[in-house]
Protein backbone atom coordinates (compact mmCIF):
# COMPACT_ATOMS: atom_id res chain seq x y z
CA MET A 1 -0.05 0.01 0.06
CA LYS A 2 1.50 3.45 -0.70
CA PRO A 3 1.87 5.90 2.23
CA LEU A 4 -0.26 8.49 0.60
CA LYS A 5 -3.21 6.11 0.44
CA THR A 6 -3.13 5.25 4.13
CA ILE A 7 -3.43 8.88 5.29
CA PRO A 8 -7.13 9.34 4.20
CA PHE A 9 -7.89 5.77 5.93
CA LEU A 10 -6.22 6.97 9.05
CA LEU A 11 -8.20 10.07 9.17
CA LEU A 12 -11.50 8.15 8.53
CA PHE A 13 -10.48 5.70 11.50
CA ALA A 14 -9.74 8.60 13.88
CA LEU A 15 -13.03 10.37 13.09
CA TRP A 16 -14.88 7.12 13.28
CA THR A 17 -13.49 6.27 16.91
CA SER A 18 -13.43 9.78 18.43
CA GLY A 19 -16.43 10.45 20.69
CA CYS A 20 -17.27 6.73 21.08
CA ALA A 21 -17.59 5.19 24.47
CA THR A 22 -15.41 2.33 25.56
CA PRO A 23 -16.64 -0.69 27.17
CA ASN A 24 -17.16 -0.91 31.12
CA VAL A 25 -13.84 0.84 32.29
CA ASN A 26 -11.94 1.34 35.69
CA PRO A 27 -8.48 2.90 35.15
CA PRO A 28 -6.66 3.60 38.28
CA GLN A 29 -6.92 7.47 37.32
CA ALA A 30 -8.84 9.42 34.79
CA ARG A 31 -7.42 9.61 31.26
CA ALA A 32 -6.69 12.90 29.48
CA ASN A 33 -9.60 14.23 27.43
CA THR A 34 -11.93 11.86 29.05
CA GLY A 35 -15.19 11.78 31.19
CA TYR A 36 -16.98 8.92 32.46
CA VAL A 37 -20.72 7.93 33.12
CA ASP A 38 -21.66 5.56 35.70
CA PHE A 39 -25.09 3.73 35.07
CA HIS A 40 -26.63 2.57 38.23
CA ALA A 41 -29.94 1.30 38.90
CA ASP A 42 -32.80 1.62 41.53
CA PRO A 43 -33.46 -1.05 42.57
CA ALA A 44 -30.08 -2.69 41.85
CA GLY A 45 -30.05 -6.27 40.76
CA GLU A 46 -28.70 -8.37 37.78
CA LEU A 47 -29.08 -6.05 34.96
CA TYR A 48 -27.97 -6.40 31.46
CA TRP A 49 -27.31 -3.00 29.94
CA GLN A 50 -27.59 -1.43 26.43
CA ILE A 51 -26.38 2.15 25.94
CA GLU A 52 -26.83 4.10 22.67
CA ARG A 53 -25.69 7.64 21.87
CA PHE A 54 -27.23 10.00 19.55
CA ASP A 55 -25.25 10.79 16.42
CA ASP A 56 -26.13 14.06 15.00
CA GLY A 57 -24.59 13.31 11.53
CA THR A 58 -26.99 10.31 11.02
CA GLN A 59 -29.80 11.70 13.37
CA SER A 60 -30.16 8.15 14.88
CA PHE A 61 -28.95 6.35 17.92
CA LYS A 62 -25.75 4.25 17.55
CA LYS A 63 -25.01 1.26 19.97
CA VAL A 64 -22.02 2.12 22.39
CA PHE A 65 -22.46 -0.61 24.73
CA SER A 66 -24.47 -3.80 24.70
CA GLU A 67 -23.66 -6.87 26.76
CA LEU A 68 -25.56 -10.06 27.98
CA GLU A 69 -24.09 -10.17 31.34
CA SER A 70 -24.25 -8.07 34.28
CA PRO A 71 -21.26 -5.64 35.03
CA LYS A 72 -18.92 -6.55 37.94
CA GLY A 73 -19.84 -4.08 40.83
CA GLY A 74 -23.48 -3.82 40.06
CA PHE A 75 -23.23 -0.74 37.84
CA LEU A 76 -21.92 0.26 34.33
CA ARG A 77 -18.94 2.80 33.76
CA LEU A 78 -18.38 4.09 30.18
CA ALA A 79 -15.63 6.62 28.99
CA PHE A 80 -16.88 9.53 26.64
CA ALA A 81 -15.01 12.39 24.98
CA PRO A 82 -16.00 15.40 27.11
CA GLY A 83 -19.15 17.26 26.14
CA ASN A 84 -22.96 16.73 26.25
CA HIS A 85 -24.20 13.54 24.96
CA ARG A 86 -27.80 12.41 24.58
CA LEU A 87 -28.06 8.68 25.63
CA ARG A 88 -30.77 5.98 25.42
CA VAL A 89 -30.77 3.38 28.11
CA THR A 90 -32.30 -0.12 27.94
CA ILE A 91 -32.26 -3.20 30.43
CA PHE A 92 -32.53 -6.48 28.59
CA THR A 93 -33.13 -8.45 31.89
CA ARG A 94 -36.74 -6.55 32.24
CA ASP A 95 -39.57 -6.09 29.97
CA ILE A 96 -39.40 -2.38 29.30
CA ALA A 97 -42.12 -0.12 27.73
CA GLU A 98 -39.53 2.02 25.97
CA PRO A 99 -36.22 3.07 26.68
CA ALA A 100 -35.17 5.86 28.61
CA GLU A 101 -33.47 8.94 27.19
CA VAL A 102 -31.14 11.29 29.08
CA GLU A 103 -29.13 14.42 28.34
CA VAL A 104 -25.55 13.84 30.05
CA GLY A 105 -22.85 16.60 30.34
CA VAL A 106 -19.52 14.87 30.76
CA PRO A 107 -16.60 17.06 32.09
CA ASP A 108 -12.88 15.99 31.48
CA GLY A 109 -11.57 13.85 34.44
CA THR A 110 -14.89 13.60 36.30
CA VAL A 111 -17.66 10.98 36.75
CA THR A 112 -21.23 11.78 35.96
CA PRO A 113 -23.71 9.46 37.63
CA VAL A 114 -26.79 8.46 35.81
CA ARG A 115 -29.62 7.12 38.29
CA VAL A 116 -31.73 4.57 36.28
CA LYS A 117 -35.06 3.78 38.09
CA LEU A 118 -37.18 0.84 37.13
CA THR A 119 -40.92 1.01 38.30
CA GLU A 120 -43.50 -1.47 37.60
CA ALA A 121 -45.87 -0.30 34.98
CA GLY A 122 -48.41 -3.40 34.86
CA THR A 123 -48.40 -6.46 33.18
CA ALA A 124 -48.13 -7.70 29.56
CA SER A 125 -49.15 -10.66 28.02
CA VAL A 126 -46.61 -12.77 25.95
CA VAL A 127 -47.90 -14.97 23.28
CA THR A 128 -45.93 -18.04 22.11
CA LYS A 129 -46.45 -20.23 19.05
CA SER A 130 -44.43 -23.42 18.01
CA ASP A 131 -44.98 -25.40 15.21
CA ASN A 132 -44.20 -29.31 15.19
CA TYR A 133 -43.96 -31.71 12.31
CA GLY A 134 -44.37 -35.33 12.79
CA GLY A 135 -46.74 -38.62 12.56
CA THR A 136 -50.34 -38.25 13.46
CA ALA A 137 -52.69 -40.86 14.78
CA ARG A 138 -53.83 -41.82 11.25
CA GLY A 139 -50.02 -42.54 10.32
CA ARG A 140 -49.67 -39.64 8.18
CA ILE A 141 -47.19 -36.61 8.43
CA GLY A 142 -48.61 -33.61 9.84
CA ARG A 143 -48.22 -30.26 11.55
CA ARG A 144 -49.26 -29.19 15.17
CA THR A 145 -49.22 -25.91 16.38
CA LYS A 146 -49.04 -25.22 19.99
CA ILE A 147 -50.15 -21.73 21.32
CA GLY A 148 -49.07 -20.71 24.80
CA SER A 149 -49.25 -17.52 26.81
CA ASP A 150 -47.49 -16.10 29.89
CA GLU A 151 -48.05 -12.95 31.69
CA THR A 152 -44.90 -10.76 32.75
CA ILE A 153 -44.31 -7.67 34.84
CA MET A 154 -43.85 -4.61 32.54
CA TYR A 155 -41.47 -1.88 33.86
CA GLY A 156 -41.13 1.86 33.06
CA ILE A 157 -37.73 3.13 33.00
CA SER A 158 -36.46 6.68 33.70
CA ALA A 159 -32.70 7.98 33.79
CA VAL A 160 -31.68 11.17 35.54
CA ALA A 161 -27.92 12.54 35.13
CA GLU A 162 -26.59 13.51 38.67
CA ALA A 163 -24.10 16.04 39.32
CA PRO A 164 -20.23 15.02 38.26
CA VAL A 165 -18.00 14.14 40.91
CA ALA A 166 -13.95 13.71 41.02
CA TYR A 167 -12.80 10.57 39.54
CA GLN A 168 -12.71 7.54 41.71
CA LEU A 169 -12.22 3.74 41.14
CA LYS A 170 -15.76 2.09 40.60
CA GLU A 171 -15.30 0.42 44.19
CA LYS A 172 -14.98 3.63 45.85
CA MET A 173 -18.05 5.20 44.38
CA PRO A 174 -21.28 5.87 46.76
CA HIS A 175 -23.35 3.89 44.32
CA ALA A 176 -21.06 0.66 44.38
CA ARG A 177 -22.47 -2.62 46.14
């Protein structure tokens, strides 16, 4: 590859990675030009998080974190470029009516806690349908459809950004379990 052709690729890569969040982090001290957001739930529990950030260029939300396991310490910390970020929060381990959106100011070298509150919002019916193929009583091959129904608790979710605090390790934060 010619050196001149790699420069546009490197610039594109730098633009693509700037302003993105990094997965659940806990460095010994805050990194330069980085602010942190701690997502903690009320009530706490085994929660699987998905966080999306609004992209002004595409006018849509882009996934910055999604994991099907609960973060260590009971809450999620993400690193962001300093500035204001519009974030959308979803919890996979609860049936959520719709995701919560929150506007978060992220100052350099600080942690901005975001309290996520889950409240029961009623029940929902989940209908399941499964098709089975196999022999029938008459010896023919046939299809059987089994329809089931379960009730589940539906939750409302809200998110509120709290005042930024000086950077500390996750285990020293007041909202750590």
